[in-house]
Protein backbone atom coordinates (compact mmCIF):
# COMPACT_ATOMS: atom_id res chain seq x y z
CA GLN A 1 -72.98 -30.49 -57.84
CA VAL A 2 -70.02 -28.60 -57.04
CA GLN A 3 -67.86 -28.98 -60.67
CA LEU A 4 -64.37 -26.76 -60.86
CA VAL A 5 -62.22 -26.10 -64.28
CA GLU A 6 -59.19 -24.43 -64.54
CA SER A 7 -58.39 -23.45 -67.54
CA GLY A 8 -55.15 -20.95 -68.66
CA GLY A 9 -52.19 -23.44 -68.26
CA GLY A 10 -49.18 -23.95 -71.08
CA SER A 11 -46.08 -23.16 -71.58
CA VAL A 12 -44.36 -19.82 -70.97
CA GLN A 13 -40.87 -18.15 -70.44
CA ALA A 14 -39.54 -16.76 -67.23
CA GLY A 15 -40.54 -13.53 -66.50
CA GLY A 16 -43.78 -13.91 -68.57
CA SER A 17 -47.50 -14.38 -67.32
CA LEU A 18 -50.08 -16.45 -67.37
CA ARG A 19 -54.40 -15.94 -66.10
CA LEU A 20 -55.85 -19.33 -64.92
CA SER A 21 -59.39 -19.75 -64.79
CA CYS A 22 -61.60 -21.67 -62.19
CA ALA A 23 -65.21 -22.35 -64.00
CA THR A 24 -67.30 -22.85 -60.73
CA SER A 25 -70.82 -24.65 -61.43
CA GLY A 26 -72.96 -25.47 -58.06
CA LEU A 27 -71.67 -23.52 -55.11
CA ARG A 28 -74.22 -20.58 -53.69
CA SER A 29 -72.66 -17.28 -54.52
CA ASP A 30 -72.84 -16.18 -51.08
CA TRP A 31 -71.44 -19.07 -49.31
CA HIS A 32 -67.67 -19.99 -51.23
CA CYS A 33 -64.76 -20.00 -50.59
CA VAL A 34 -61.56 -20.75 -53.53
CA GLY A 35 -58.27 -21.30 -53.69
CA TRP A 36 -55.48 -21.65 -55.71
CA PHE A 37 -52.92 -24.59 -55.05
CA ARG A 38 -50.06 -26.45 -57.02
CA GLN A 39 -48.32 -29.56 -57.23
CA ALA A 40 -45.12 -29.60 -58.12
CA ALA A 41 -43.39 -32.95 -59.57
CA GLY A 42 -42.39 -35.20 -56.11
CA GLU A 43 -43.51 -32.05 -53.95
CA GLU A 44 -46.19 -31.47 -51.58
CA ARG A 45 -49.31 -29.21 -52.19
CA GLU A 46 -49.00 -25.89 -51.60
CA GLY A 47 -51.64 -23.12 -50.85
CA LEU A 48 -51.23 -19.74 -53.28
CA ALA A 49 -54.50 -17.90 -52.78
CA SER A 50 -57.68 -17.86 -52.04
CA ILE A 51 -60.88 -15.76 -52.10
CA ASP A 52 -64.63 -15.74 -50.24
CA SER A 53 -67.73 -14.90 -51.62
CA GLY A 54 -67.60 -10.94 -51.03
CA GLY A 55 -64.50 -10.87 -52.81
CA ALA A 56 -61.87 -10.86 -50.38
CA PRO A 57 -58.28 -12.46 -51.34
CA THR A 58 -56.39 -14.39 -49.19
CA TYR A 59 -52.42 -14.79 -50.31
CA LEU A 60 -49.13 -17.19 -48.64
CA ASN A 61 -45.72 -15.36 -49.33
CA SER A 62 -44.63 -17.83 -51.80
CA MET A 63 -45.95 -15.82 -54.77
CA LYS A 64 -47.13 -12.66 -52.30
CA GLY A 65 -46.21 -9.72 -55.02
CA ARG A 66 -46.79 -11.67 -58.21
CA LEU A 67 -50.53 -12.80 -57.90
CA THR A 68 -53.59 -11.61 -58.08
CA ILE A 69 -56.69 -13.69 -57.18
CA SER A 70 -60.16 -12.36 -57.74
CA GLU A 71 -63.53 -13.22 -59.41
CA ASP A 72 -66.14 -12.77 -61.83
CA ASN A 73 -69.27 -13.40 -60.36
CA ALA A 74 -71.68 -12.73 -63.20
CA LYS A 75 -69.23 -15.64 -64.84
CA SER A 76 -69.01 -17.77 -61.50
CA THR A 77 -65.64 -17.63 -62.35
CA VAL A 78 -62.58 -16.91 -60.48
CA TYR A 79 -58.57 -16.22 -61.61
CA LEU A 80 -54.77 -15.90 -60.71
CA GLN A 81 -53.11 -13.43 -62.37
CA MET A 82 -49.58 -14.76 -61.83
CA ASN A 83 -46.41 -12.50 -63.16
CA ASP A 84 -42.68 -12.66 -63.45
CA LEU A 85 -42.59 -16.56 -63.81
CA LYS A 86 -39.76 -18.26 -62.85
CA PRO A 87 -38.98 -22.35 -63.75
CA GLU A 88 -39.98 -22.92 -59.66
CA ASP A 89 -43.46 -21.94 -60.81
CA THR A 90 -44.07 -25.02 -62.86
CA ALA A 91 -46.72 -27.55 -61.19
CA THR A 92 -50.24 -28.10 -62.05
CA TYR A 93 -52.27 -25.36 -60.56
CA TYR A 94 -56.06 -26.35 -59.44
CA CYS A 95 -58.59 -24.55 -57.85
CA ALA A 96 -60.25 -25.78 -55.05
CA ALA A 97 -63.65 -24.59 -53.07
CA ILE A 98 -65.58 -25.10 -49.85
CA ASP A 99 -68.92 -23.94 -48.80
CA ARG A 100 -67.89 -22.11 -46.39
CA SER A 101 -68.48 -17.88 -46.34
CA LEU A 102 -65.24 -16.68 -45.64
CA CYS A 103 -61.50 -18.43 -47.27
CA TYR A 104 -58.63 -17.88 -43.99
CA GLY A 105 -55.12 -18.37 -44.30
CA PHE A 106 -54.29 -21.69 -42.28
CA GLN A 107 -56.72 -23.19 -45.27
CA LEU A 108 -54.14 -22.67 -47.42
CA LYS A 109 -51.18 -22.70 -44.42
CA ASN A 110 -53.26 -26.98 -44.12
CA ARG A 111 -52.42 -27.76 -48.05
CA GLY A 112 -55.84 -27.80 -48.51
CA SER A 113 -57.10 -30.23 -46.55
CA GLU A 114 -60.57 -28.57 -45.54
CA PHE A 115 -61.14 -27.52 -49.08
CA VAL A 116 -64.09 -30.21 -50.49
CA TYR A 117 -64.26 -30.13 -53.89
CA TRP A 118 -61.04 -29.57 -56.66
CA GLY A 119 -60.75 -29.65 -60.08
CA GLN A 120 -58.82 -31.51 -62.24
CA GLY A 121 -55.64 -29.26 -62.25
CA THR A 122 -53.63 -27.40 -65.79
CA GLN A 123 -49.76 -27.41 -66.32
CA VAL A 124 -47.67 -24.47 -66.40
CA THR A 125 -44.54 -24.82 -67.42
CA VAL A 126 -41.62 -22.61 -66.83
CA PRO A 127 -38.53 -24.13 -69.10
CA SER A 128 -35.09 -23.09 -67.44
């Protein structure tokens, strides 16, 4: 059984940084793609970044340059480092996974419709 648990959200001033964590269990270490998504109130879910089992990252443009996705295989945890946060980054952030060896940009553009496993989300608030 695959489980994903996000943590690390909170309230941070504009210009600040946060590192979100996605603790995974049940995924094959050599066969998975893990992605990060966010959804603001009243908005559609948006793909941000993903990383495959080989450690190759994929980013979409919305926060590109301010995000770094990484994975610690020993801890089965995927991280999303977010820098220079802005009020428009306020949202619930989710990690998701799919049983594939590679990640593709279209999976993020499709708002995660291909992803099978989802965490419960962690709230990030950047006051204006």
